[in-house]
């Protein structure tokens, strides 16, 4: 059971990282990220507002995934977000192909018969040396 808990934590960390990194990096290098938005979302609000609003959603989603609370909900939202990114920005598939794997990991979290108590803090003993 300990290995299963650790695997669940590692999956959550990996999926959460995929949402945290772009949100945080967009603050330091916004021009590298704004181009990934499809054309039809530009023009309603300034690009930087759009970028950072989406980043805020990504951070909330990542923290929810890390918490492990009702994991199916944020995991399925992550699958939907990544699916949307892949579909609406398919011209960049040479870069976005990794999102398919991340979406698969998020889907695994959603369908996993997870350990009963799965918050990161409660299972820190599973990954910290004794």
Protein backbone atom coordinates (compact mmCIF):
# COMPACT_ATOMS: atom_id res chain seq x y z
CA UNK A 1 0.00 0.00 0.00
CA UNK A 2 2.92 2.35 0.71
CA UNK A 3 4.12 2.07 -2.92
CA UNK A 4 0.63 2.82 -4.17
CA UNK A 5 0.46 5.97 -2.04
CA UNK A 6 3.87 7.06 -3.27
CA UNK A 7 2.84 6.45 -6.88
CA UNK A 8 -0.32 8.51 -6.33
CA UNK A 9 1.73 11.37 -4.87
CA UNK A 10 4.24 11.24 -7.73
CA UNK A 11 1.41 11.35 -10.29
CA UNK A 12 -0.13 14.35 -8.54
CA UNK A 13 3.23 16.13 -8.34
CA UNK A 14 3.90 15.53 -12.03
CA UNK A 15 0.51 16.74 -13.22
CA UNK A 16 0.56 19.73 -10.86
CA UNK A 17 4.03 20.74 -12.07
CA UNK A 18 2.75 20.79 -15.65
CA UNK A 19 0.26 23.47 -14.60
CA UNK A 20 2.46 25.40 -12.16
CA UNK A 21 5.49 25.87 -14.40
CA UNK A 22 3.81 27.73 -17.28
CA UNK A 23 1.78 29.91 -14.90
CA UNK A 24 4.87 30.97 -12.95
CA UNK A 25 7.18 31.23 -15.96
CA UNK A 26 4.65 33.44 -17.75
CA UNK A 27 5.36 36.16 -15.19
CA UNK A 28 9.04 36.19 -16.18
CA UNK A 29 8.72 35.49 -19.91
CA UNK A 30 5.16 36.26 -21.06
CA UNK A 31 6.07 36.50 -24.74
CA UNK A 32 7.02 32.82 -24.77
CA UNK A 33 3.52 31.82 -23.66
CA UNK A 34 1.02 34.24 -25.17
CA UNK A 35 1.47 32.74 -28.63
CA UNK A 36 -0.08 29.46 -27.51
CA UNK A 37 -3.52 31.02 -27.15
CA UNK A 38 -5.68 30.43 -30.22
CA UNK A 39 -6.53 33.49 -32.32
CA UNK A 40 -10.21 33.45 -31.39
CA UNK A 41 -9.51 34.33 -27.72
CA UNK A 42 -7.40 37.40 -28.50
CA UNK A 43 -8.93 40.86 -28.53
CA UNK A 44 -11.47 40.55 -25.71
CA UNK A 45 -9.04 41.53 -22.97
CA UNK A 46 -5.37 42.55 -23.15
CA UNK A 47 -3.10 39.58 -23.85
CA UNK A 48 -1.27 39.87 -20.52
CA UNK A 49 -4.57 39.85 -18.61
CA UNK A 50 -5.64 36.75 -20.53
CA UNK A 51 -2.29 35.07 -19.89
CA UNK A 52 -2.22 35.76 -16.17
CA UNK A 53 -5.92 34.97 -15.66
CA UNK A 54 -5.33 31.59 -17.27
CA UNK A 55 -2.21 31.24 -15.13
CA UNK A 56 -4.28 31.84 -12.00
CA UNK A 57 -6.65 29.07 -13.08
CA UNK A 58 -3.65 26.80 -13.65
CA UNK A 59 -2.27 27.55 -10.18
CA UNK A 60 -5.60 26.86 -8.48
CA UNK A 61 -5.93 23.61 -10.44
CA UNK A 62 -2.36 22.56 -9.57
CA UNK A 63 -2.85 23.26 -5.86
CA UNK A 64 -6.13 21.34 -5.86
CA UNK A 65 -4.43 18.37 -7.52
CA UNK A 66 -1.60 18.54 -4.98
CA UNK A 67 -4.08 18.57 -2.11
CA UNK A 68 -5.63 15.30 -3.26
CA UNK A 69 -9.08 16.54 -2.16
CA UNK A 70 -11.81 15.14 -4.41
CA UNK A 71 -9.05 14.41 -6.92
CA UNK A 72 -11.41 13.25 -9.66
CA UNK A 73 -12.75 16.77 -10.19
CA UNK A 74 -9.47 18.65 -10.76
CA UNK A 75 -8.01 15.69 -12.63
CA UNK A 76 -10.90 15.69 -15.11
CA UNK A 77 -10.68 19.47 -15.42
CA UNK A 78 -6.97 19.05 -16.17
CA UNK A 79 -7.80 16.49 -18.88
CA UNK A 80 -10.32 18.93 -20.39
CA UNK A 81 -7.89 21.88 -20.27
CA UNK A 82 -5.10 19.88 -21.85
CA UNK A 83 -7.47 18.42 -24.44
CA UNK A 84 -8.59 21.94 -25.32
CA UNK A 85 -5.01 23.12 -25.63
CA UNK A 86 -4.18 20.21 -27.93
CA UNK A 87 -7.29 20.66 -30.10
CA UNK A 88 -7.23 24.45 -30.41
CA UNK A 89 -3.47 24.72 -30.90
CA UNK A 90 -2.86 21.61 -32.97
CA UNK A 91 -0.50 23.48 -35.32
CA UNK A 92 2.03 23.40 -32.47
CA UNK A 93 1.66 19.67 -31.88
CA UNK A 94 5.43 19.18 -32.14
CA UNK A 95 5.62 21.02 -28.81
CA UNK A 96 2.24 20.03 -27.37
CA UNK A 97 2.58 16.27 -27.91
CA UNK A 98 3.72 16.08 -24.28
CA UNK A 99 0.32 17.34 -23.21
CA UNK A 100 -1.15 14.05 -24.41
CA UNK A 101 0.98 12.21 -21.84
CA UNK A 102 0.15 14.71 -19.11
CA UNK A 103 -3.56 14.37 -19.91
CA UNK A 104 -3.21 10.59 -19.68
CA UNK A 105 -1.57 10.95 -16.25
CA UNK A 106 -4.41 13.26 -15.13
CA UNK A 107 -6.95 10.74 -16.41
CA UNK A 108 -5.16 8.02 -14.44
CA UNK A 109 -5.61 10.16 -11.32
CA UNK A 110 -9.30 10.57 -12.08
CA UNK A 111 -9.98 6.86 -12.41
CA UNK A 112 -7.54 5.60 -9.78
CA UNK A 113 -9.11 3.87 -6.82
CA UNK A 114 -6.94 6.10 -4.70
CA UNK A 115 -5.78 5.59 -1.16
CA UNK A 116 -8.37 6.73 1.41
CA UNK A 117 -6.29 9.53 2.84
CA UNK A 118 -4.15 11.05 0.13
CA UNK A 119 -3.11 14.59 0.94
CA UNK A 120 0.55 15.40 0.40
CA UNK A 121 1.07 16.42 4.01
CA UNK A 122 -0.50 13.26 5.41
CA UNK A 123 1.77 11.09 3.28
CA UNK A 124 4.99 13.03 3.56
CA UNK A 125 6.30 10.15 5.65
CA UNK A 126 6.00 7.95 2.56
CA UNK A 127 8.64 9.97 0.73
CA UNK A 128 10.83 11.24 3.53
CA UNK A 129 13.65 9.02 4.77
CA UNK A 130 13.24 7.64 8.28
